[in-house]
Amino acid sequence: MSAIYLRLKRHKTTWFVEAKPTDTVQTLKNHLLPQLSSQSATTIQLQIPTTSKTASDLPQYAPLDDSAVLEQIGIVDDSVLYVVFKEGDGWEPVDVPEFEPLDDDAEDE
């Protein structure tokens, strides 16, 4: 079975992770934990964007169950997942700024 490559994003950080389609969400979290020394598997949640949007046209996100198998929940090569941390009794919102390209036009003047 061939590997899939995923991007896990949180704020301005992106982790590139190699996984197997038969891996679980928990396996992905375990790959990420060494990079997040102040967190544990129970304080990290992976989320994916849904097709619905809020009234202000912002995307909504759905949490992934730790026991879910990637291929069974539609995670494919080059998918983007979002990492959130536990905050009080709930989870922090997904907060990833939009990509802004460098403005090379300023150098031409």
PDB file of N, CA and C in Angstrom:
ATOM      1  N   MET A   1       0.846  -1.174   0.000  1.00  0.00           N
ATOM      2  CA  MET A   1       0.000   0.000   0.000  1.00  0.00           C
ATOM      3  C   MET A   1       0.897   1.244   0.000  1.00  0.00           C
ATOM      4  N   SER A   2       0.616   2.177  -0.863  1.00  0.00           N
ATOM      5  CA  SER A   2       1.480   3.347  -0.985  1.00  0.00           C
ATOM      6  C   SER A   2       1.165   4.392   0.082  1.00  0.00           C
ATOM      7  N   ALA A   3       2.133   5.215   0.332  1.00  0.00           N
ATOM      8  CA  ALA A   3       2.005   6.250   1.349  1.00  0.00           C
ATOM      9  C   ALA A   3       1.203   7.430   0.814  1.00  0.00           C
ATOM     10  N   ILE A   4       0.580   8.151   1.735  1.00  0.00           N
ATOM     11  CA  ILE A   4      -0.065   9.418   1.403  1.00  0.00           C
ATOM     12  C   ILE A   4       0.650  10.498   2.201  1.00  0.00           C
ATOM     13  N   TYR A   5       0.653  11.680   1.658  1.00  0.00           N
ATOM     14  CA  TYR A   5       1.328  12.795   2.299  1.00  0.00           C
ATOM     15  C   TYR A   5       0.275  13.816   2.685  1.00  0.00           C
ATOM     16  N   LEU A   6       0.310  14.229   3.959  1.00  0.00           N
ATOM     17  CA  LEU A   6      -0.700  15.121   4.512  1.00  0.00           C
ATOM     18  C   LEU A   6      -0.040  16.369   5.071  1.00  0.00           C
ATOM     19  N   ARG A   7      -0.805  17.444   5.097  1.00  0.00           N
ATOM     20  CA  ARG A   7      -0.360  18.678   5.737  1.00  0.00           C
ATOM     21  C   ARG A   7      -1.224  18.903   6.968  1.00  0.00           C
ATOM     22  N   LEU A   8      -0.574  19.053   8.100  1.00  0.00           N
ATOM     23  CA  LEU A   8      -1.263  19.360   9.353  1.00  0.00           C
ATOM     24  C   LEU A   8      -0.932  20.805   9.693  1.00  0.00           C
ATOM     25  N   LYS A   9      -1.957  21.640   9.852  1.00  0.00           N
ATOM     26  CA  LYS A   9      -1.728  23.074  10.045  1.00  0.00           C
ATOM     27  C   LYS A   9      -2.277  23.555  11.377  1.00  0.00           C
ATOM     28  N   ARG A  10      -1.550  24.475  11.984  1.00  0.00           N
ATOM     29  CA  ARG A  10      -1.985  25.184  13.176  1.00  0.00           C
ATOM     30  C   ARG A  10      -1.334  26.556  13.144  1.00  0.00           C
ATOM     31  N   HIS A  11      -2.140  27.589  13.216  1.00  0.00           N
ATOM     32  CA  HIS A  11      -1.676  28.970  13.107  1.00  0.00           C
ATOM     33  C   HIS A  11      -0.788  29.112  11.869  1.00  0.00           C
ATOM     34  N   LYS A  12       0.448  29.538  12.025  1.00  0.00           N
ATOM     35  CA  LYS A  12       1.332  29.732  10.872  1.00  0.00           C
ATOM     36  C   LYS A  12       2.297  28.564  10.668  1.00  0.00           C
ATOM     37  N   THR A  13       2.015  27.444  11.316  1.00  0.00           N
ATOM     38  CA  THR A  13       2.894  26.277  11.233  1.00  0.00           C
ATOM     39  C   THR A  13       2.231  25.178  10.418  1.00  0.00           C
ATOM     40  N   THR A  14       3.014  24.547   9.550  1.00  0.00           N
ATOM     41  CA  THR A  14       2.537  23.404   8.779  1.00  0.00           C
ATOM     42  C   THR A  14       3.519  22.256   8.969  1.00  0.00           C
ATOM     43  N   TRP A  15       2.983  21.095   9.340  1.00  0.00           N
ATOM     44  CA  TRP A  15       3.781  19.883   9.444  1.00  0.00           C
ATOM     45  C   TRP A  15       3.430  18.995   8.263  1.00  0.00           C
ATOM     46  N   PHE A  16       4.430  18.413   7.630  1.00  0.00           N
ATOM     47  CA  PHE A  16       4.231  17.487   6.528  1.00  0.00           C
ATOM     48  C   PHE A  16       4.413  16.078   7.088  1.00  0.00           C
ATOM     49  N   VAL A  17       3.391  15.267   6.927  1.00  0.00           N
ATOM     50  CA  VAL A  17       3.380  13.944   7.541  1.00  0.00           C
ATOM     51  C   VAL A  17       3.129  12.887   6.474  1.00  0.00           C
ATOM     52  N   GLU A  18       3.917  11.830   6.525  1.00  0.00           N
ATOM     53  CA  GLU A  18       3.694  10.671   5.655  1.00  0.00           C
ATOM     54  C   GLU A  18       2.871   9.659   6.439  1.00  0.00           C
ATOM     55  N   ALA A  19       1.836   9.123   5.817  1.00  0.00           N
ATOM     56  CA  ALA A  19       0.965   8.159   6.486  1.00  0.00           C
ATOM     57  C   ALA A  19       0.540   7.094   5.497  1.00  0.00           C
ATOM     58  N   LYS A  20      -0.081   6.048   6.020  1.00  0.00           N
ATOM     59  CA  LYS A  20      -0.687   5.009   5.185  1.00  0.00           C
ATOM     60  C   LYS A  20      -2.189   5.223   5.218  1.00  0.00           C
ATOM     61  N   PRO A  21      -2.886   4.930   4.141  1.00  0.00           N
ATOM     62  CA  PRO A  21      -4.344   5.079   4.139  1.00  0.00           C
ATOM     63  C   PRO A  21      -5.024   4.275   5.248  1.00  0.00           C
ATOM     64  N   THR A  22      -4.361   3.229   5.733  1.00  0.00           N
ATOM     65  CA  THR A  22      -4.934   2.390   6.777  1.00  0.00           C
ATOM     66  C   THR A  22      -4.605   2.876   8.189  1.00  0.00           C
ATOM     67  N   ASP A  23      -3.845   3.971   8.304  1.00  0.00           N
ATOM     68  CA  ASP A  23      -3.539   4.545   9.613  1.00  0.00           C
ATOM     69  C   ASP A  23      -4.794   5.168  10.216  1.00  0.00           C
ATOM     70  N   THR A  24      -4.786   5.284  11.531  1.00  0.00           N
ATOM     71  CA  THR A  24      -5.892   5.951  12.219  1.00  0.00           C
ATOM     72  C   THR A  24      -5.516   7.403  12.510  1.00  0.00           C
ATOM     73  N   VAL A  25      -6.499   8.182  12.891  1.00  0.00           N
ATOM     74  CA  VAL A  25      -6.258   9.566  13.297  1.00  0.00           C
ATOM     75  C   VAL A  25      -5.299   9.587  14.499  1.00  0.00           C
ATOM     76  N   GLN A  26      -5.464   8.640  15.413  1.00  0.00           N
ATOM     77  CA  GLN A  26      -4.578   8.552  16.577  1.00  0.00           C
ATOM     78  C   GLN A  26      -3.121   8.369  16.142  1.00  0.00           C
ATOM     79  N   THR A  27      -2.880   7.579  15.101  1.00  0.00           N
ATOM     80  CA  THR A  27      -1.525   7.382  14.586  1.00  0.00           C
ATOM     81  C   THR A  27      -0.935   8.705  14.106  1.00  0.00           C
ATOM     82  N   LEU A  28      -1.750   9.515  13.417  1.00  0.00           N
ATOM     83  CA  LEU A  28      -1.276  10.834  12.973  1.00  0.00           C
ATOM     84  C   LEU A  28      -0.910  11.702  14.169  1.00  0.00           C
ATOM     85  N   LYS A  29      -1.767  11.694  15.181  1.00  0.00           N
ATOM     86  CA  LYS A  29      -1.490  12.485  16.375  1.00  0.00           C
ATOM     87  C   LYS A  29      -0.183  12.034  17.035  1.00  0.00           C
ATOM     88  N   ASN A  30       0.059  10.732  17.049  1.00  0.00           N
ATOM     89  CA  ASN A  30       1.296  10.214  17.638  1.00  0.00           C
ATOM     90  C   ASN A  30       2.525  10.665  16.857  1.00  0.00           C
ATOM     91  N   HIS A  31       2.406  10.801  15.521  1.00  0.00           N
ATOM     92  CA  HIS A  31       3.515  11.325  14.706  1.00  0.00           C
ATOM     93  C   HIS A  31       3.808  12.777  15.061  1.00  0.00           C
ATOM     94  N   LEU A  32       2.775  13.510  15.421  1.00  0.00           N
ATOM     95  CA  LEU A  32       2.898  14.939  15.687  1.00  0.00           C
ATOM     96  C   LEU A  32       3.384  15.249  17.109  1.00  0.00           C
ATOM     97  N   LEU A  33       3.098  14.377  18.053  1.00  0.00           N
ATOM     98  CA  LEU A  33       3.402  14.646  19.463  1.00  0.00           C
ATOM     99  C   LEU A  33       4.848  15.032  19.757  1.00  0.00           C
ATOM    100  N   PRO A  34       5.872  14.417  19.140  1.00  0.00           N
ATOM    101  CA  PRO A  34       7.245  14.840  19.445  1.00  0.00           C
ATOM    102  C   PRO A  34       7.504  16.322  19.125  1.00  0.00           C
ATOM    103  N   GLN A  35       6.746  16.883  18.196  1.00  0.00           N
ATOM    104  CA  GLN A  35       6.910  18.297  17.840  1.00  0.00           C
ATOM    105  C   GLN A  35       6.180  19.218  18.817  1.00  0.00           C
ATOM    106  N   LEU A  36       5.265  18.654  19.584  1.00  0.00           N
ATOM    107  CA  LEU A  36       4.431  19.435  20.502  1.00  0.00           C
ATOM    108  C   LEU A  36       4.675  18.951  21.928  1.00  0.00           C
ATOM    109  N   SER A  37       5.858  19.203  22.441  1.00  0.00           N
ATOM    110  CA  SER A  37       6.275  18.623  23.719  1.00  0.00           C
ATOM    111  C   SER A  37       5.375  19.013  24.888  1.00  0.00           C
ATOM    112  N   SER A  38       4.667  20.134  24.796  1.00  0.00           N
ATOM    113  CA  SER A  38       3.825  20.557  25.908  1.00  0.00           C
ATOM    114  C   SER A  38       2.406  19.991  25.815  1.00  0.00           C
ATOM    115  N   GLN A  39       2.135  19.143  24.833  1.00  0.00           N
ATOM    116  CA  GLN A  39       0.795  18.601  24.623  1.00  0.00           C
ATOM    117  C   GLN A  39       0.809  17.080  24.759  1.00  0.00           C
ATOM    118  N   SER A  40      -0.381  16.524  24.971  1.00  0.00           N
ATOM    119  CA  SER A  40      -0.548  15.076  24.975  1.00  0.00           C
ATOM    120  C   SER A  40      -1.611  14.710  23.946  1.00  0.00           C
ATOM    121  N   ALA A  41      -1.768  13.432  23.685  1.00  0.00           N
ATOM    122  CA  ALA A  41      -2.740  12.995  22.680  1.00  0.00           C
ATOM    123  C   ALA A  41      -4.161  13.415  23.043  1.00  0.00           C
ATOM    124  N   THR A  42      -4.437  13.578  24.328  1.00  0.00           N
ATOM    125  CA  THR A  42      -5.796  13.959  24.741  1.00  0.00           C
ATOM    126  C   THR A  42      -6.042  15.467  24.644  1.00  0.00           C
ATOM    127  N   THR A  43      -4.986  16.254  24.438  1.00  0.00           N
ATOM    128  CA  THR A  43      -5.162  17.707  24.334  1.00  0.00           C
ATOM    129  C   THR A  43      -5.003  18.214  22.906  1.00  0.00           C
ATOM    130  N   ILE A  44      -4.943  17.272  21.949  1.00  0.00           N
ATOM    131  CA  ILE A  44      -4.833  17.620  20.528  1.00  0.00           C
ATOM    132  C   ILE A  44      -6.031  17.023  19.799  1.00  0.00           C
ATOM    133  N   GLN A  45      -6.600  17.807  18.900  1.00  0.00           N
ATOM    134  CA  GLN A  45      -7.686  17.304  18.062  1.00  0.00           C
ATOM    135  C   GLN A  45      -7.383  17.667  16.612  1.00  0.00           C
ATOM    136  N   LEU A  46      -7.657  16.743  15.698  1.00  0.00           N
ATOM    137  CA  LEU A  46      -7.513  17.016  14.270  1.00  0.00           C
ATOM    138  C   LEU A  46      -8.891  17.284  13.699  1.00  0.00           C
ATOM    139  N   GLN A  47      -8.981  18.287  12.834  1.00  0.00           N
ATOM    140  CA  GLN A  47     -10.250  18.658  12.227  1.00  0.00           C
ATOM    141  C   GLN A  47     -10.078  18.820  10.726  1.00  0.00           C
ATOM    142  N   ILE A  48     -11.194  18.661  10.003  1.00  0.00           N
ATOM    143  CA  ILE A  48     -11.208  18.873   8.558  1.00  0.00           C
ATOM    144  C   ILE A  48     -12.297  19.881   8.228  1.00  0.00           C
ATOM    145  N   PRO A  49     -12.114  20.638   7.152  1.00  0.00           N
ATOM    146  CA  PRO A  49     -13.164  21.582   6.759  1.00  0.00           C
ATOM    147  C   PRO A  49     -14.390  20.830   6.254  1.00  0.00           C
ATOM    148  N   THR A  50     -15.565  21.373   6.545  1.00  0.00           N
ATOM    149  CA  THR A  50     -16.808  20.803   6.033  1.00  0.00           C
ATOM    150  C   THR A  50     -17.237  21.613   4.819  1.00  0.00           C
ATOM    151  N   THR A  51     -18.271  21.159   4.167  1.00  0.00           N
ATOM    152  CA  THR A  51     -18.766  21.886   2.988  1.00  0.00           C
ATOM    153  C   THR A  51     -19.671  23.043   3.379  1.00  0.00           C
ATOM    154  N   SER A  52     -20.114  23.087   4.633  1.00  0.00           N
ATOM    155  CA  SER A  52     -20.986  24.184   5.061  1.00  0.00           C
ATOM    156  C   SER A  52     -20.159  25.373   5.542  1.00  0.00           C
ATOM    157  N   LYS A  53     -20.762  26.528   5.516  1.00  0.00           N
ATOM    158  CA  LYS A  53     -20.096  27.751   5.966  1.00  0.00           C
ATOM    159  C   LYS A  53     -20.977  28.453   6.985  1.00  0.00           C
ATOM    160  N   THR A  54     -20.380  29.347   7.765  1.00  0.00           N
ATOM    161  CA  THR A  54     -21.134  30.119   8.741  1.00  0.00           C
ATOM    162  C   THR A  54     -21.850  31.258   8.029  1.00  0.00           C
ATOM    163  N   ALA A  55     -22.663  31.976   8.771  1.00  0.00           N
ATOM    164  CA  ALA A  55     -23.396  33.104   8.197  1.00  0.00           C
ATOM    165  C   ALA A  55     -22.440  34.160   7.644  1.00  0.00           C
ATOM    166  N   SER A  56     -21.259  34.278   8.217  1.00  0.00           N
ATOM    167  CA  SER A  56     -20.278  35.254   7.737  1.00  0.00           C
ATOM    168  C   SER A  56     -19.389  34.671   6.643  1.00  0.00           C
ATOM    169  N   ASP A  57     -19.792  33.543   6.062  1.00  0.00           N
ATOM    170  CA  ASP A  57     -19.101  32.892   4.953  1.00  0.00           C
ATOM    171  C   ASP A  57     -17.735  32.323   5.346  1.00  0.00           C
ATOM    172  N   LEU A  58     -17.533  32.034   6.628  1.00  0.00           N
ATOM    173  CA  LEU A  58     -16.297  31.406   7.084  1.00  0.00           C
ATOM    174  C   LEU A  58     -16.468  29.893   7.064  1.00  0.00           C
ATOM    175  N   PRO A  59     -15.406  29.157   6.776  1.00  0.00           N
ATOM    176  CA  PRO A  59     -15.533  27.697   6.753  1.00  0.00           C
ATOM    177  C   PRO A  59     -15.789  27.145   8.150  1.00  0.00           C
ATOM    178  N   GLN A  60     -16.456  26.008   8.191  1.00  0.00           N
ATOM    179  CA  GLN A  60     -16.649  25.295   9.447  1.00  0.00           C
ATOM    180  C   GLN A  60     -15.789  24.042   9.414  1.00  0.00           C
ATOM    181  N   TYR A  61     -15.495  23.511  10.583  1.00  0.00           N
ATOM    182  CA  TYR A  61     -14.606  22.363  10.690  1.00  0.00           C
ATOM    183  C   TYR A  61     -15.256  21.271  11.514  1.00  0.00           C
ATOM    184  N   ALA A  62     -14.969  20.023  11.141  1.00  0.00           N
ATOM    185  CA  ALA A  62     -15.499  18.869  11.852  1.00  0.00           C
ATOM    186  C   ALA A  62     -14.351  18.115  12.507  1.00  0.00           C
ATOM    187  N   PRO A  63     -14.505  17.747  13.785  1.00  0.00           N
ATOM    188  CA  PRO A  63     -13.456  16.971  14.463  1.00  0.00           C
ATOM    189  C   PRO A  63     -13.408  15.546  13.933  1.00  0.00           C
ATOM    190  N   LEU A  64     -12.220  14.964  13.956  1.00  0.00           N
ATOM    191  CA  LEU A  64     -12.027  13.586  13.528  1.00  0.00           C
ATOM    192  C   LEU A  64     -11.897  12.684  14.750  1.00  0.00           C
ATOM    193  N   ASP A  65     -12.593  11.573  14.728  1.00  0.00           N
ATOM    194  CA  ASP A  65     -12.520  10.601  15.812  1.00  0.00           C
ATOM    195  C   ASP A  65     -11.159   9.915  15.780  1.00  0.00           C
ATOM    196  N   ASP A  66     -10.542   9.744  16.944  1.00  0.00           N
ATOM    197  CA  ASP A  66      -9.201   9.157  17.015  1.00  0.00           C
ATOM    198  C   ASP A  66      -9.126   7.750  16.420  1.00  0.00           C
ATOM    199  N   SER A  67     -10.212   6.991  16.478  1.00  0.00           N
ATOM    200  CA  SER A  67     -10.183   5.616  15.982  1.00  0.00           C
ATOM    201  C   SER A  67     -10.513   5.515  14.493  1.00  0.00           C
ATOM    202  N   ALA A  68     -10.834   6.639  13.855  1.00  0.00           N
ATOM    203  CA  ALA A  68     -11.202   6.635  12.435  1.00  0.00           C
ATOM    204  C   ALA A  68      -9.998   6.278  11.562  1.00  0.00           C
ATOM    205  N   VAL A  69     -10.235   5.455  10.555  1.00  0.00           N
ATOM    206  CA  VAL A  69      -9.196   5.068   9.588  1.00  0.00           C
ATOM    207  C   VAL A  69      -9.224   6.087   8.450  1.00  0.00           C
ATOM    208  N   LEU A  70      -8.055   6.596   8.075  1.00  0.00           N
ATOM    209  CA  LEU A  70      -7.954   7.693   7.114  1.00  0.00           C
ATOM    210  C   LEU A  70      -8.718   7.429   5.826  1.00  0.00           C
ATOM    211  N   GLU A  71      -8.504   6.283   5.192  1.00  0.00           N
ATOM    212  CA  GLU A  71      -9.167   6.020   3.912  1.00  0.00           C
ATOM    213  C   GLU A  71     -10.679   5.907   4.064  1.00  0.00           C
ATOM    214  N   GLN A  72     -11.154   5.499   5.227  1.00  0.00           N
ATOM    215  CA  GLN A  72     -12.589   5.340   5.443  1.00  0.00           C
ATOM    216  C   GLN A  72     -13.298   6.676   5.669  1.00  0.00           C
ATOM    217  N   ILE A  73     -12.556   7.705   6.035  1.00  0.00           N
ATOM    218  CA  ILE A  73     -13.173   9.022   6.240  1.00  0.00           C
ATOM    219  C   ILE A  73     -12.826   9.993   5.110  1.00  0.00           C
ATOM    220  N   GLY A  74     -12.257   9.467   4.044  1.00  0.00           N
ATOM    221  CA  GLY A  74     -12.016  10.282   2.851  1.00  0.00           C
ATOM    222  C   GLY A  74     -10.741  11.097   2.858  1.00  0.00           C
ATOM    223  N   ILE A  75      -9.792  10.772   3.724  1.00  0.00           N
ATOM    224  CA  ILE A  75      -8.510  11.472   3.739  1.00  0.00           C
ATOM    225  C   ILE A  75      -7.636  10.841   2.657  1.00  0.00           C
ATOM    226  N   VAL A  76      -7.207  11.665   1.703  1.00  0.00           N
ATOM    227  CA  VAL A  76      -6.416  11.187   0.568  1.00  0.00           C
ATOM    228  C   VAL A  76      -5.092  11.945   0.515  1.00  0.00           C
ATOM    229  N   ASP A  77      -4.248  11.565  -0.425  1.00  0.00           N
ATOM    230  CA  ASP A  77      -2.959  12.224  -0.618  1.00  0.00           C
ATOM    231  C   ASP A  77      -3.148  13.737  -0.775  1.00  0.00           C
ATOM    232  N   ASP A  78      -2.322  14.513  -0.110  1.00  0.00           N
ATOM    233  CA  ASP A  78      -2.305  15.976  -0.150  1.00  0.00           C
ATOM    234  C   ASP A  78      -3.489  16.619   0.581  1.00  0.00           C
ATOM    235  N   SER A  79      -4.143  15.876   1.461  1.00  0.00           N
ATOM    236  CA  SER A  79      -5.209  16.462   2.277  1.00  0.00           C
ATOM    237  C   SER A  79      -4.600  17.396   3.320  1.00  0.00           C
ATOM    238  N   VAL A  80      -5.410  18.360   3.733  1.00  0.00           N
ATOM    239  CA  VAL A  80      -5.002  19.293   4.780  1.00  0.00           C
ATOM    240  C   VAL A  80      -5.899  19.065   5.993  1.00  0.00           C
ATOM    241  N   LEU A  81      -5.261  18.833   7.140  1.00  0.00           N
ATOM    242  CA  LEU A  81      -5.970  18.679   8.407  1.00  0.00           C
ATOM    243  C   LEU A  81      -5.534  19.815   9.321  1.00  0.00           C
ATOM    244  N   TYR A  82      -6.397  20.195  10.236  1.00  0.00           N
ATOM    245  CA  TYR A  82      -6.108  21.309  11.131  1.00  0.00           C
ATOM    246  C   TYR A  82      -5.967  20.802  12.555  1.00  0.00           C
ATOM    247  N   VAL A  83      -4.951  21.307  13.260  1.00  0.00           N
ATOM    248  CA  VAL A  83      -4.636  20.902  14.623  1.00  0.00           C
ATOM    249  C   VAL A  83      -5.148  21.971  15.573  1.00  0.00           C
ATOM    250  N   VAL A  84      -5.932  21.548  16.563  1.00  0.00           N
ATOM    251  CA  VAL A  84      -6.389  22.467  17.607  1.00  0.00           C
ATOM    252  C   VAL A  84      -6.068  21.854  18.962  1.00  0.00           C
ATOM    253  N   PHE A  85      -5.947  22.718  19.965  1.00  0.00           N
ATOM    254  CA  PHE A  85      -5.630  22.290  21.321  1.00  0.00           C
ATOM    255  C   PHE A  85      -6.859  22.441  22.207  1.00  0.00           C
ATOM    256  N   LYS A  86      -6.871  21.642  23.248  1.00  0.00           N
ATOM    257  CA  LYS A  86      -7.932  21.722  24.241  1.00  0.00           C
ATOM    258  C   LYS A  86      -7.841  23.079  24.944  1.00  0.00           C
ATOM    259  N   GLU A  87      -9.004  23.683  25.145  1.00  0.00           N
ATOM    260  CA  GLU A  87      -9.068  25.004  25.770  1.00  0.00           C
ATOM    261  C   GLU A  87     -10.234  24.987  26.760  1.00  0.00           C
ATOM    262  N   GLY A  88      -9.918  24.883  28.040  1.00  0.00           N
ATOM    263  CA  GLY A  88     -10.977  24.778  29.039  1.00  0.00           C
ATOM    264  C   GLY A  88     -11.730  23.472  28.866  1.00  0.00           C
ATOM    265  N   ASP A  89     -13.060  23.570  28.738  1.00  0.00           N
ATOM    266  CA  ASP A  89     -13.888  22.374  28.551  1.00  0.00           C
ATOM    267  C   ASP A  89     -14.083  22.023  27.084  1.00  0.00           C
ATOM    268  N   GLY A  90     -13.589  22.855  26.178  1.00  0.00           N
ATOM    269  CA  GLY A  90     -13.795  22.620  24.754  1.00  0.00           C
ATOM    270  C   GLY A  90     -12.481  22.667  23.990  1.00  0.00           C
ATOM    271  N   TRP A  91     -12.603  23.057  22.729  1.00  0.00           N
ATOM    272  CA  TRP A  91     -11.438  23.118  21.835  1.00  0.00           C
ATOM    273  C   TRP A  91     -11.324  24.521  21.268  1.00  0.00           C
ATOM    274  N   GLU A  92     -10.084  24.982  21.093  1.00  0.00           N
ATOM    275  CA  GLU A  92      -9.884  26.286  20.471  1.00  0.00           C
ATOM    276  C   GLU A  92     -10.389  26.242  19.029  1.00  0.00           C
ATOM    277  N   PRO A  93     -10.760  27.391  18.473  1.00  0.00           N
ATOM    278  CA  PRO A  93     -11.185  27.398  17.067  1.00  0.00           C
ATOM    279  C   PRO A  93      -9.979  27.242  16.137  1.00  0.00           C
ATOM    280  N   VAL A  94     -10.230  26.757  14.936  1.00  0.00           N
ATOM    281  CA  VAL A  94      -9.176  26.679  13.918  1.00  0.00           C
ATOM    282  C   VAL A  94      -8.786  28.109  13.564  1.00  0.00           C
ATOM    283  N   ASP A  95      -7.494  28.388  13.599  1.00  0.00           N
ATOM    284  CA  ASP A  95      -6.998  29.732  13.319  1.00  0.00           C
ATOM    285  C   ASP A  95      -5.763  29.633  12.436  1.00  0.00           C
ATOM    286  N   VAL A  96      -5.992  29.609  11.128  1.00  0.00           N
ATOM    287  CA  VAL A  96      -4.898  29.564  10.164  1.00  0.00           C
ATOM    288  C   VAL A  96      -5.078  30.747   9.232  1.00  0.00           C
ATOM    289  N   PRO A  97      -4.147  31.699   9.238  1.00  0.00           N
ATOM    290  CA  PRO A  97      -4.297  32.870   8.370  1.00  0.00           C
ATOM    291  C   PRO A  97      -4.233  32.485   6.890  1.00  0.00           C
ATOM    292  N   GLU A  98      -4.901  33.277   6.085  1.00  0.00           N
ATOM    293  CA  GLU A  98      -4.867  33.080   4.636  1.00  0.00           C
ATOM    294  C   GLU A  98      -3.444  33.292   4.124  1.00  0.00           C
ATOM    295  N   PHE A  99      -3.100  32.570   3.080  1.00  0.00           N
ATOM    296  CA  PHE A  99      -1.788  32.712   2.456  1.00  0.00           C
ATOM    297  C   PHE A  99      -1.678  34.094   1.820  1.00  0.00           C
ATOM    298  N   GLU A 100      -0.571  34.768   2.084  1.00  0.00           N
ATOM    299  CA  GLU A 100      -0.306  36.074   1.481  1.00  0.00           C
ATOM    300  C   GLU A 100       1.028  36.002   0.755  1.00  0.00           C
ATOM    301  N   PRO A 101       1.019  36.083  -0.571  1.00  0.00           N
ATOM    302  CA  PRO A 101       2.287  36.017  -1.306  1.00  0.00           C
ATOM    303  C   PRO A 101       3.148  37.240  -1.016  1.00  0.00           C
ATOM    304  N   LEU A 102       4.436  37.072  -1.179  1.00  0.00           N
ATOM    305  CA  LEU A 102       5.346  38.201  -1.028  1.00  0.00           C
ATOM    306  C   LEU A 102       5.075  39.214  -2.121  1.00  0.00           C
ATOM    307  N   ASP A 103       5.201  40.470  -1.786  1.00  0.00           N
ATOM    308  CA  ASP A 103       4.945  41.537  -2.760  1.00  0.00           C
ATOM    309  C   ASP A 103       6.259  41.905  -3.420  1.00  0.00           C
ATOM    310  N   ASP A 104       6.559  41.282  -4.556  1.00  0.00           N
ATOM    311  CA  ASP A 104       7.800  41.560  -5.276  1.00  0.00           C
ATOM    312  C   ASP A 104       7.752  42.849  -6.057  1.00  0.00           C
ATOM    313  N   ASP A 105       6.578  43.420  -6.273  1.00  0.00           N
ATOM    314  CA  ASP A 105       6.444  44.658  -7.030  1.00  0.00           C
ATOM    315  C   ASP A 105       7.127  45.827  -6.339  1.00  0.00           C
ATOM    316  N   ALA A 106       7.223  45.821  -5.028  1.00  0.00           N
ATOM    317  CA  ALA A 106       7.845  46.912  -4.296  1.00  0.00           C
ATOM    318  C   ALA A 106       9.333  47.040  -4.640  1.00  0.00           C
ATOM    319  N   GLU A 107       9.973  45.908  -4.941  1.00  0.00           N
ATOM    320  CA  GLU A 107      11.391  45.926  -5.281  1.00  0.00           C
ATOM    321  C   GLU A 107      11.656  46.485  -6.673  1.00  0.00           C
ATOM    322  N   ASP A 108      10.652  46.439  -7.550  1.00  0.00           N
ATOM    323  CA  ASP A 108      10.838  46.884  -8.920  1.00  0.00           C
ATOM    324  C   ASP A 108      10.845  48.404  -9.036  1.00  0.00           C
ATOM    325  N   GLU A 109      10.381  49.095  -8.030  1.00  0.00           N
ATOM    326  CA  GLU A 109      10.274  50.562  -8.138  1.00  0.00           C
ATOM    327  C   GLU A 109      11.574  51.260  -7.884  1.00  0.00           C
TER     328      GLU A 109
END
